[in-house]
Amino acid sequence: MIEAGITLRSLRGEDIEPGLWRILFAFSERTFLRHGNGHYLNAGFFADVSRRMPGTVVVKLAERAGAPLAAAIFMQGGGTLYGRYWGAVEPVDCLHFECCYYQMIEFAIERGLAVFEGGAQGEHKLARGFEPVTTFSSHWLSHPVFNEAVQRYLEREHGGIEAYVDELNERSALRRDSTSRPGER
């Protein structure tokens, strides 16, 4: 990134001023909109979590000539670094991977974090040493008919997700010994 005139630095969420949060959030929001989605959070969310739970939010900020160019926003807790909300003013070759993965792998190792969860989706992560890991979430849906429809969908989807994870694990870039299974940590 040096040859492109870009500097990278890590920021603690609680040290970020509201004006910078608006800029960083706008980067992430731009990414959501480019993919046809509205952002489900807002700049105030990150600032509020940072203030109420110091040490939880981490930002990797890319700057050119001192001006914010791109950012990746992460959450940290329980020995895990969770990624990421990404956005940039302009596309720069390899900047996304540098901010979202390489720099943050180093960040996690330096801090002795046991796990770096690189975020959802992306077969491109296999080549970077990430393996697919199933995650879980809990939701309560108050409308009974909607809840039943979602439950039926999830039951149908479950087998497909397992097959997809198995397929990705077969293509893993990581070498295994005869006793380890794909996806084991």
C-alpha atoms as a PDB file:
ATOM      1  CA  MET A   1       0.000   0.000   0.000  1.00  0.00           C
ATOM      2  CA  ILE A   2       2.990   2.270   0.538  1.00  0.00           C
ATOM      3  CA  GLU A   3       3.632   2.454  -3.207  1.00  0.00           C
ATOM      4  CA  ALA A   4       0.020   3.674  -3.654  1.00  0.00           C
ATOM      5  CA  GLY A   5       0.568   6.383  -1.033  1.00  0.00           C
ATOM      6  CA  ILE A   6      -1.814   4.679   1.391  1.00  0.00           C
ATOM      7  CA  THR A   7      -1.248   4.339   5.116  1.00  0.00           C
ATOM      8  CA  LEU A   8      -3.164   1.958   7.348  1.00  0.00           C
ATOM      9  CA  ARG A   9      -3.862   2.259  11.027  1.00  0.00           C
ATOM     10  CA  SER A  10      -5.999   0.552  13.630  1.00  0.00           C
ATOM     11  CA  LEU A  11      -8.356   2.652  15.719  1.00  0.00           C
ATOM     12  CA  ARG A  12     -10.284   1.799  18.844  1.00  0.00           C
ATOM     13  CA  GLY A  13     -13.938   2.629  18.411  1.00  0.00           C
ATOM     14  CA  GLU A  14     -14.119   4.646  21.624  1.00  0.00           C
ATOM     15  CA  ASP A  15     -11.376   6.965  20.296  1.00  0.00           C
ATOM     16  CA  ILE A  16     -13.264   7.857  17.103  1.00  0.00           C
ATOM     17  CA  GLU A  17     -15.038  11.221  16.987  1.00  0.00           C
ATOM     18  CA  PRO A  18     -18.665  11.385  15.734  1.00  0.00           C
ATOM     19  CA  GLY A  19     -17.607  13.186  12.531  1.00  0.00           C
ATOM     20  CA  LEU A  20     -15.209  10.391  11.600  1.00  0.00           C
ATOM     21  CA  TRP A  21     -17.878   7.788  12.442  1.00  0.00           C
ATOM     22  CA  ARG A  22     -20.168   9.445   9.875  1.00  0.00           C
ATOM     23  CA  ILE A  23     -17.420   9.199   7.232  1.00  0.00           C
ATOM     24  CA  LEU A  24     -16.581   5.574   8.067  1.00  0.00           C
ATOM     25  CA  PHE A  25     -20.228   4.577   8.104  1.00  0.00           C
ATOM     26  CA  ALA A  26     -20.762   6.282   4.724  1.00  0.00           C
ATOM     27  CA  PHE A  27     -18.034   4.030   3.278  1.00  0.00           C
ATOM     28  CA  SER A  28     -19.832   0.921   4.543  1.00  0.00           C
ATOM     29  CA  GLU A  29     -23.233   2.216   3.479  1.00  0.00           C
ATOM     30  CA  ARG A  30     -21.906   2.805  -0.040  1.00  0.00           C
ATOM     31  CA  THR A  31     -20.930  -0.886  -0.221  1.00  0.00           C
ATOM     32  CA  PHE A  32     -24.389  -1.978   0.913  1.00  0.00           C
ATOM     33  CA  LEU A  33     -26.080   0.267  -1.644  1.00  0.00           C
ATOM     34  CA  ARG A  34     -23.782  -0.912  -4.444  1.00  0.00           C
ATOM     35  CA  HIS A  35     -25.031  -4.442  -3.738  1.00  0.00           C
ATOM     36  CA  GLY A  36     -28.682  -3.343  -3.768  1.00  0.00           C
ATOM     37  CA  ASN A  37     -29.225  -3.312  -0.012  1.00  0.00           C
ATOM     38  CA  GLY A  38     -29.861  -0.665   2.572  1.00  0.00           C
ATOM     39  CA  HIS A  39     -27.587  -0.696   5.604  1.00  0.00           C
ATOM     40  CA  TYR A  40     -29.379  -2.139   8.622  1.00  0.00           C
ATOM     41  CA  LEU A  41     -27.265  -0.159  11.109  1.00  0.00           C
ATOM     42  CA  ASN A  42     -26.302   3.506  11.357  1.00  0.00           C
ATOM     43  CA  ALA A  43     -23.279   5.558  12.362  1.00  0.00           C
ATOM     44  CA  GLY A  44     -24.786   6.141  15.799  1.00  0.00           C
ATOM     45  CA  PHE A  45     -24.867   2.392  16.431  1.00  0.00           C
ATOM     46  CA  PHE A  46     -21.093   2.016  16.125  1.00  0.00           C
ATOM     47  CA  ALA A  47     -20.407   5.169  18.143  1.00  0.00           C
ATOM     48  CA  ASP A  48     -22.835   4.063  20.858  1.00  0.00           C
ATOM     49  CA  VAL A  49     -21.422   0.527  21.122  1.00  0.00           C
ATOM     50  CA  SER A  50     -17.906   1.994  21.202  1.00  0.00           C
ATOM     51  CA  ARG A  51     -18.832   4.344  24.038  1.00  0.00           C
ATOM     52  CA  ARG A  52     -20.844   1.833  26.081  1.00  0.00           C
ATOM     53  CA  MET A  53     -18.569  -1.163  25.512  1.00  0.00           C
ATOM     54  CA  PRO A  54     -14.974   0.080  25.155  1.00  0.00           C
ATOM     55  CA  GLY A  55     -12.677  -2.351  23.362  1.00  0.00           C
ATOM     56  CA  THR A  56     -15.513  -3.873  21.354  1.00  0.00           C
ATOM     57  CA  VAL A  57     -15.209  -1.953  18.085  1.00  0.00           C
ATOM     58  CA  VAL A  58     -11.994  -1.897  16.028  1.00  0.00           C
ATOM     59  CA  VAL A  59     -11.507  -0.006  12.771  1.00  0.00           C
ATOM     60  CA  LYS A  60      -8.805  -0.494  10.168  1.00  0.00           C
ATOM     61  CA  LEU A  61      -8.573   2.881   8.444  1.00  0.00           C
ATOM     62  CA  ALA A  62      -6.848   3.467   5.112  1.00  0.00           C
ATOM     63  CA  GLU A  63      -5.772   7.038   4.390  1.00  0.00           C
ATOM     64  CA  ARG A  64      -4.149   8.823   1.486  1.00  0.00           C
ATOM     65  CA  ALA A  65      -2.425  12.121   2.270  1.00  0.00           C
ATOM     66  CA  GLY A  66      -4.179  12.096   5.660  1.00  0.00           C
ATOM     67  CA  ALA A  67      -7.680  11.816   4.171  1.00  0.00           C
ATOM     68  CA  PRO A  68      -9.870   8.769   4.894  1.00  0.00           C
ATOM     69  CA  LEU A  69      -9.992   6.519   1.835  1.00  0.00           C
ATOM     70  CA  ALA A  70     -11.455   3.233   3.109  1.00  0.00           C
ATOM     71  CA  ALA A  71     -12.323   1.450   6.320  1.00  0.00           C
ATOM     72  CA  ALA A  72     -13.179  -1.936   7.725  1.00  0.00           C
ATOM     73  CA  ILE A  73     -15.168  -2.039  10.968  1.00  0.00           C
ATOM     74  CA  PHE A  74     -14.836  -5.070  13.253  1.00  0.00           C
ATOM     75  CA  MET A  75     -16.280  -6.230  16.560  1.00  0.00           C
ATOM     76  CA  GLN A  76     -14.111  -7.904  19.186  1.00  0.00           C
ATOM     77  CA  GLY A  77     -15.035  -9.981  22.210  1.00  0.00           C
ATOM     78  CA  GLY A  78     -14.565 -13.305  23.922  1.00  0.00           C
ATOM     79  CA  GLY A  79     -11.203 -13.960  22.294  1.00  0.00           C
ATOM     80  CA  THR A  80     -12.644 -13.475  18.803  1.00  0.00           C
ATOM     81  CA  LEU A  81     -12.387 -10.737  16.201  1.00  0.00           C
ATOM     82  CA  TYR A  82     -15.513 -10.578  14.054  1.00  0.00           C
ATOM     83  CA  GLY A  83     -15.383  -8.951  10.629  1.00  0.00           C
ATOM     84  CA  ARG A  84     -16.384  -6.712   8.939  1.00  0.00           C
ATOM     85  CA  TYR A  85     -18.244  -3.756   7.497  1.00  0.00           C
ATOM     86  CA  TRP A  86     -16.202  -2.534   4.537  1.00  0.00           C
ATOM     87  CA  GLY A  87     -16.315   0.491   2.311  1.00  0.00           C
ATOM     88  CA  ALA A  88     -14.110   2.796   0.279  1.00  0.00           C
ATOM     89  CA  VAL A  89     -14.254   6.082  -1.593  1.00  0.00           C
ATOM     90  CA  GLU A  90     -12.618   4.487  -4.616  1.00  0.00           C
ATOM     91  CA  PRO A  91     -11.447   1.036  -5.615  1.00  0.00           C
ATOM     92  CA  VAL A  92      -7.749   0.414  -4.974  1.00  0.00           C
ATOM     93  CA  ASP A  93      -6.205  -2.878  -6.041  1.00  0.00           C
ATOM     94  CA  CYS A  94      -5.859  -5.262  -3.072  1.00  0.00           C
ATOM     95  CA  LEU A  95      -6.900  -2.645  -0.471  1.00  0.00           C
ATOM     96  CA  HIS A  96     -10.018  -4.597   0.536  1.00  0.00           C
ATOM     97  CA  PHE A  97      -8.030  -7.753   1.290  1.00  0.00           C
ATOM     98  CA  GLU A  98      -5.273  -5.840   3.045  1.00  0.00           C
ATOM     99  CA  CYS A  99      -7.699  -4.016   5.381  1.00  0.00           C
ATOM    100  CA  CYS A 100     -10.247  -6.757   5.909  1.00  0.00           C
ATOM    101  CA  TYR A 101      -8.040  -9.838   6.134  1.00  0.00           C
ATOM    102  CA  TYR A 102      -4.247  -9.578   6.107  1.00  0.00           C
ATOM    103  CA  GLN A 103      -3.962  -6.661   8.529  1.00  0.00           C
ATOM    104  CA  MET A 104      -6.608  -8.108  10.809  1.00  0.00           C
ATOM    105  CA  ILE A 105      -5.058 -11.572  10.896  1.00  0.00           C
ATOM    106  CA  GLU A 106      -1.908  -9.845  12.115  1.00  0.00           C
ATOM    107  CA  PHE A 107      -3.972  -7.774  14.587  1.00  0.00           C
ATOM    108  CA  ALA A 108      -5.566 -10.937  16.028  1.00  0.00           C
ATOM    109  CA  ILE A 109      -2.232 -12.755  16.334  1.00  0.00           C
ATOM    110  CA  GLU A 110      -0.554  -9.766  18.043  1.00  0.00           C
ATOM    111  CA  ARG A 111      -3.353  -9.633  20.618  1.00  0.00           C
ATOM    112  CA  GLY A 112      -3.507 -13.374  21.214  1.00  0.00           C
ATOM    113  CA  LEU A 113      -7.073 -13.689  19.938  1.00  0.00           C
ATOM    114  CA  ALA A 114      -8.028 -17.321  19.415  1.00  0.00           C
ATOM    115  CA  VAL A 115     -10.317 -16.750  16.424  1.00  0.00           C
ATOM    116  CA  PHE A 116     -10.645 -14.316  13.549  1.00  0.00           C
ATOM    117  CA  GLU A 117     -14.052 -14.728  11.949  1.00  0.00           C
ATOM    118  CA  GLY A 118     -13.637 -13.055   8.554  1.00  0.00           C
ATOM    119  CA  GLY A 119     -17.329 -12.526   7.861  1.00  0.00           C
ATOM    120  CA  ALA A 120     -20.004 -14.164   5.773  1.00  0.00           C
ATOM    121  CA  GLN A 121     -19.797 -15.347   2.195  1.00  0.00           C
ATOM    122  CA  GLY A 122     -16.941 -15.411  -0.228  1.00  0.00           C
ATOM    123  CA  GLU A 123     -15.307 -18.405  -1.829  1.00  0.00           C
ATOM    124  CA  HIS A 124     -12.350 -16.064  -2.409  1.00  0.00           C
ATOM    125  CA  LYS A 125     -11.548 -16.471   1.285  1.00  0.00           C
ATOM    126  CA  LEU A 126     -10.516 -20.109   0.753  1.00  0.00           C
ATOM    127  CA  ALA A 127      -7.377 -19.034  -1.102  1.00  0.00           C
ATOM    128  CA  ARG A 128      -6.528 -16.752   1.813  1.00  0.00           C
ATOM    129  CA  GLY A 129      -6.563 -19.572   4.368  1.00  0.00           C
ATOM    130  CA  PHE A 130     -10.080 -19.139   5.709  1.00  0.00           C
ATOM    131  CA  GLU A 131     -12.276 -22.171   6.064  1.00  0.00           C
ATOM    132  CA  PRO A 132     -16.058 -22.204   6.061  1.00  0.00           C
ATOM    133  CA  VAL A 133     -17.523 -22.339   9.531  1.00  0.00           C
ATOM    134  CA  THR A 134     -21.223 -22.605  10.180  1.00  0.00           C
ATOM    135  CA  THR A 135     -22.596 -20.039  12.562  1.00  0.00           C
ATOM    136  CA  PHE A 136     -25.869 -19.750  14.354  1.00  0.00           C
ATOM    137  CA  SER A 137     -28.225 -16.939  15.156  1.00  0.00           C
ATOM    138  CA  SER A 138     -31.387 -16.717  17.198  1.00  0.00           C
ATOM    139  CA  HIS A 139     -34.469 -14.790  16.187  1.00  0.00           C
ATOM    140  CA  TRP A 140     -37.950 -14.464  17.572  1.00  0.00           C
ATOM    141  CA  LEU A 141     -40.679 -13.836  15.026  1.00  0.00           C
ATOM    142  CA  SER A 142     -43.948 -12.748  16.591  1.00  0.00           C
ATOM    143  CA  HIS A 143     -46.202 -13.538  13.619  1.00  0.00           C
ATOM    144  CA  PRO A 144     -46.989 -17.291  13.816  1.00  0.00           C
ATOM    145  CA  VAL A 145     -47.549 -17.843  10.081  1.00  0.00           C
ATOM    146  CA  PHE A 146     -44.371 -15.974   9.160  1.00  0.00           C
ATOM    147  CA  ASN A 147     -42.461 -17.872  11.868  1.00  0.00           C
ATOM    148  CA  GLU A 148     -43.655 -21.215  10.463  1.00  0.00           C
ATOM    149  CA  ALA A 149     -42.684 -20.199   6.927  1.00  0.00           C
ATOM    150  CA  VAL A 150     -39.198 -19.244   8.064  1.00  0.00           C
ATOM    151  CA  GLN A 151     -38.850 -22.511  10.000  1.00  0.00           C
ATOM    152  CA  ARG A 152     -39.802 -24.558   6.922  1.00  0.00           C
ATOM    153  CA  TYR A 153     -37.319 -22.641   4.792  1.00  0.00           C
ATOM    154  CA  LEU A 154     -34.521 -23.165   7.323  1.00  0.00           C
ATOM    155  CA  GLU A 155     -35.233 -26.893   7.502  1.00  0.00           C
ATOM    156  CA  ARG A 156     -34.978 -27.145   3.698  1.00  0.00           C
ATOM    157  CA  GLU A 157     -31.876 -24.982   3.559  1.00  0.00           C
ATOM    158  CA  HIS A 158     -29.967 -26.894   6.264  1.00  0.00           C
ATOM    159  CA  GLY A 159     -28.952 -29.850   4.076  1.00  0.00           C
ATOM    160  CA  GLY A 160     -27.882 -27.581   1.245  1.00  0.00           C
ATOM    161  CA  ILE A 161     -25.685 -25.531   3.549  1.00  0.00           C
ATOM    162  CA  GLU A 162     -24.025 -28.669   4.947  1.00  0.00           C
ATOM    163  CA  ALA A 163     -23.306 -29.923   1.421  1.00  0.00           C
ATOM    164  CA  TYR A 164     -21.915 -26.538   0.404  1.00  0.00           C
ATOM    165  CA  VAL A 165     -19.605 -26.385   3.437  1.00  0.00           C
ATOM    166  CA  ASP A 166     -18.361 -29.917   2.655  1.00  0.00           C
ATOM    167  CA  GLU A 167     -17.692 -28.893  -0.955  1.00  0.00           C
ATOM    168  CA  LEU A 168     -15.735 -25.811   0.142  1.00  0.00           C
ATOM    169  CA  ASN A 169     -13.735 -27.815   2.677  1.00  0.00           C
ATOM    170  CA  GLU A 170     -12.693 -30.204  -0.096  1.00  0.00           C
ATOM    171  CA  ARG A 171     -11.159 -27.200  -1.902  1.00  0.00           C
ATOM    172  CA  SER A 172      -9.356 -25.871   1.188  1.00  0.00           C
ATOM    173  CA  ALA A 173      -5.876 -24.446   0.647  1.00  0.00           C
ATOM    174  CA  LEU A 174      -4.784 -25.790   4.033  1.00  0.00           C
ATOM    175  CA  ARG A 175      -2.907 -29.070   4.368  1.00  0.00           C
ATOM    176  CA  ARG A 176      -4.271 -31.548   6.884  1.00  0.00           C
ATOM    177  CA  ASP A 177      -2.854 -34.561   8.612  1.00  0.00           C
ATOM    178  CA  SER A 178      -4.785 -37.809   8.573  1.00  0.00           C
ATOM    179  CA  THR A 179      -6.419 -37.153  11.970  1.00  0.00           C
ATOM    180  CA  SER A 180      -7.907 -33.699  11.348  1.00  0.00           C
ATOM    181  CA  ARG A 181     -11.166 -32.987   9.638  1.00  0.00           C
ATOM    182  CA  PRO A 182     -12.002 -29.917   7.554  1.00  0.00           C
ATOM    183  CA  GLY A 183     -13.381 -27.114   9.692  1.00  0.00           C
ATOM    184  CA  GLU A 184     -11.698 -28.284  12.919  1.00  0.00           C
ATOM    185  CA  ARG A 185      -9.984 -25.599  14.903  1.00  0.00           C
END
